[in-house]
Amino acid sequence: MRGQQAPPQQPTRVRTPRENENEVLGVIEQMLGASRVRVRCMDGKLRMGRIPGKLKRKIWVREDDVVIVTPWEVQSDEKCDVIWRYTKGQVDWLNKKGYLDFMR
């Protein structure tokens, strides 16, 4: 298989937001610096998100990435934590299944 590209594969398992744990889908609109981002959430709110250290060290988060966030218990309309970032294949799957209809 040297020199040949493997055919694109569908993700076998995609993590979806858990409503019982108060998780919401969102899209990163702006990088603010100091592990902070501005996130447009599925519930129509614009929140400031914090990227925890364990996530920041594992993956890079950029503008227009689709993420899962958990709103804070205090100031839940304004602030949240980013807990998951989707890959391109996973975003395509979410789009096909109708999870990203809030972006239109």
Foldseek 3Di string as FASTA:
>chain_A
DPPDDDDDDADPDADDDDVVQQKWKWFFAADDDPQWTWTQTLVRAIEIEGEDPVRVVPDDDDGGWIFIWHADPPPSRHYIYTDGTDDPSSVVVCVVVPVPPSVD
